[in-house]
Amino acid sequence: MIAGIDVTLRCDECGGSGRVLSGHPNDPFAQAINCQAGCDNGEVTHFDELTTLEDAIKDYPTAIRLQVVAPFSKWNR
């Protein structure tokens, strides 16, 4: 049994670029700024409590990365 999985997805707000325009795309003064959605270089990671990696693959087909998080025990200190 695993504790869960860290699921990394492409940020919806910036499309995975990590940058967004500060104004309208047709505005000549619009500037590219860092994404304000809390992503890390265009990637968003969240924890999902799942029982198997196979479930995560089915639930998140567009995931960039899936990382199994082992349950805490006295053996992995």
C-alpha atoms as a PDB file:
ATOM      1  CA  MET A   1       0.000   0.000   0.000  1.00  0.00           C
ATOM      2  CA  ILE A   2       1.314   3.460  -0.886  1.00  0.00           C
ATOM      3  CA  ALA A   3       0.522   6.701   0.885  1.00  0.00           C
ATOM      4  CA  GLY A   4      -0.247   8.506  -2.354  1.00  0.00           C
ATOM      5  CA  ILE A   5       1.164  10.061  -5.470  1.00  0.00           C
ATOM      6  CA  ASP A   6       2.574  13.479  -6.278  1.00  0.00           C
ATOM      7  CA  VAL A   7       0.972  14.422  -9.597  1.00  0.00           C
ATOM      8  CA  THR A   8       2.700  17.038 -11.741  1.00  0.00           C
ATOM      9  CA  LEU A   9       0.575  18.683 -14.414  1.00  0.00           C
ATOM     10  CA  ARG A  10       1.094  21.502 -16.901  1.00  0.00           C
ATOM     11  CA  CYS A  11      -0.247  24.787 -15.494  1.00  0.00           C
ATOM     12  CA  ASP A  12      -3.605  25.697 -17.089  1.00  0.00           C
ATOM     13  CA  GLU A  13      -3.052  29.420 -16.606  1.00  0.00           C
ATOM     14  CA  CYS A  14       0.203  29.745 -18.562  1.00  0.00           C
ATOM     15  CA  GLY A  15       0.007  26.587 -20.653  1.00  0.00           C
ATOM     16  CA  GLY A  16       3.231  25.285 -19.165  1.00  0.00           C
ATOM     17  CA  SER A  17       5.430  28.208 -20.193  1.00  0.00           C
ATOM     18  CA  GLY A  18       5.678  29.827 -16.756  1.00  0.00           C
ATOM     19  CA  ARG A  19       4.930  33.220 -18.352  1.00  0.00           C
ATOM     20  CA  VAL A  20       1.705  35.125 -19.152  1.00  0.00           C
ATOM     21  CA  LEU A  21       0.977  38.445 -20.862  1.00  0.00           C
ATOM     22  CA  SER A  22       0.258  41.368 -18.542  1.00  0.00           C
ATOM     23  CA  GLY A  23      -2.283  42.868 -20.966  1.00  0.00           C
ATOM     24  CA  HIS A  24      -4.281  42.119 -24.081  1.00  0.00           C
ATOM     25  CA  PRO A  25      -2.335  40.176 -26.748  1.00  0.00           C
ATOM     26  CA  ASN A  26      -2.967  42.991 -29.271  1.00  0.00           C
ATOM     27  CA  ASP A  27      -1.637  45.639 -26.881  1.00  0.00           C
ATOM     28  CA  PRO A  28       1.850  46.673 -28.051  1.00  0.00           C
ATOM     29  CA  PHE A  29       2.761  47.502 -24.443  1.00  0.00           C
ATOM     30  CA  ALA A  30       1.763  44.095 -23.030  1.00  0.00           C
ATOM     31  CA  GLN A  31       4.690  42.358 -21.372  1.00  0.00           C
ATOM     32  CA  ALA A  32       5.372  38.740 -20.525  1.00  0.00           C
ATOM     33  CA  ILE A  33       5.510  38.307 -16.747  1.00  0.00           C
ATOM     34  CA  ASN A  34       5.889  35.291 -14.453  1.00  0.00           C
ATOM     35  CA  CYS A  35       2.730  33.262 -14.061  1.00  0.00           C
ATOM     36  CA  GLN A  36       0.721  34.342 -11.021  1.00  0.00           C
ATOM     37  CA  ALA A  37      -1.110  31.011 -10.633  1.00  0.00           C
ATOM     38  CA  GLY A  38       1.455  29.627  -8.219  1.00  0.00           C
ATOM     39  CA  CYS A  39       3.090  27.297 -10.716  1.00  0.00           C
ATOM     40  CA  ASP A  40       6.759  26.398 -10.756  1.00  0.00           C
ATOM     41  CA  ASN A  41       8.101  27.071 -14.263  1.00  0.00           C
ATOM     42  CA  GLY A  42       4.801  26.036 -15.824  1.00  0.00           C
ATOM     43  CA  GLU A  43       4.229  22.963 -13.679  1.00  0.00           C
ATOM     44  CA  VAL A  44       1.783  22.428 -10.822  1.00  0.00           C
ATOM     45  CA  THR A  45       2.257  19.533  -8.394  1.00  0.00           C
ATOM     46  CA  HIS A  46      -0.350  18.280  -5.976  1.00  0.00           C
ATOM     47  CA  PHE A  47      -0.703  15.238  -3.761  1.00  0.00           C
ATOM     48  CA  ASP A  48      -3.439  12.714  -4.442  1.00  0.00           C
ATOM     49  CA  GLU A  49      -4.153   9.885  -2.073  1.00  0.00           C
ATOM     50  CA  LEU A  50      -4.421   6.880  -4.367  1.00  0.00           C
ATOM     51  CA  THR A  51      -3.872   3.214  -3.790  1.00  0.00           C
ATOM     52  CA  THR A  52      -2.052   2.247  -6.989  1.00  0.00           C
ATOM     53  CA  LEU A  53       0.074   3.817  -9.683  1.00  0.00           C
ATOM     54  CA  GLU A  54      -2.280   2.290 -12.269  1.00  0.00           C
ATOM     55  CA  ASP A  55      -5.155   4.379 -10.850  1.00  0.00           C
ATOM     56  CA  ALA A  56      -3.074   7.538 -11.174  1.00  0.00           C
ATOM     57  CA  ILE A  57      -2.204   6.748 -14.794  1.00  0.00           C
ATOM     58  CA  LYS A  58      -5.920   6.364 -15.567  1.00  0.00           C
ATOM     59  CA  ASP A  59      -6.994   9.457 -13.605  1.00  0.00           C
ATOM     60  CA  TYR A  60      -4.252  11.772 -14.923  1.00  0.00           C
ATOM     61  CA  PRO A  61      -3.536  10.856 -18.568  1.00  0.00           C
ATOM     62  CA  THR A  62      -1.910  14.252 -19.249  1.00  0.00           C
ATOM     63  CA  ALA A  63       0.411  14.170 -16.213  1.00  0.00           C
ATOM     64  CA  ILE A  64       3.984  15.229 -16.832  1.00  0.00           C
ATOM     65  CA  ARG A  65       5.257  13.235 -13.868  1.00  0.00           C
ATOM     66  CA  LEU A  66       3.835  10.802 -11.318  1.00  0.00           C
ATOM     67  CA  GLN A  67       5.902  10.112  -8.205  1.00  0.00           C
ATOM     68  CA  VAL A  68       4.932   7.518  -5.638  1.00  0.00           C
ATOM     69  CA  VAL A  69       5.118   8.817  -2.074  1.00  0.00           C
ATOM     70  CA  ALA A  70       5.908   5.969   0.296  1.00  0.00           C
ATOM     71  CA  PRO A  71       4.175   5.813   3.646  1.00  0.00           C
ATOM     72  CA  PHE A  72       6.309   6.838   6.595  1.00  0.00           C
ATOM     73  CA  SER A  73       7.729   3.947   8.516  1.00  0.00           C
ATOM     74  CA  LYS A  74      10.589   3.287  10.849  1.00  0.00           C
ATOM     75  CA  TRP A  75      12.506   1.829   7.863  1.00  0.00           C
ATOM     76  CA  ASN A  76      12.709   5.014   5.748  1.00  0.00           C
ATOM     77  CA  ARG A  77      14.050   7.439   8.327  1.00  0.00           C
END
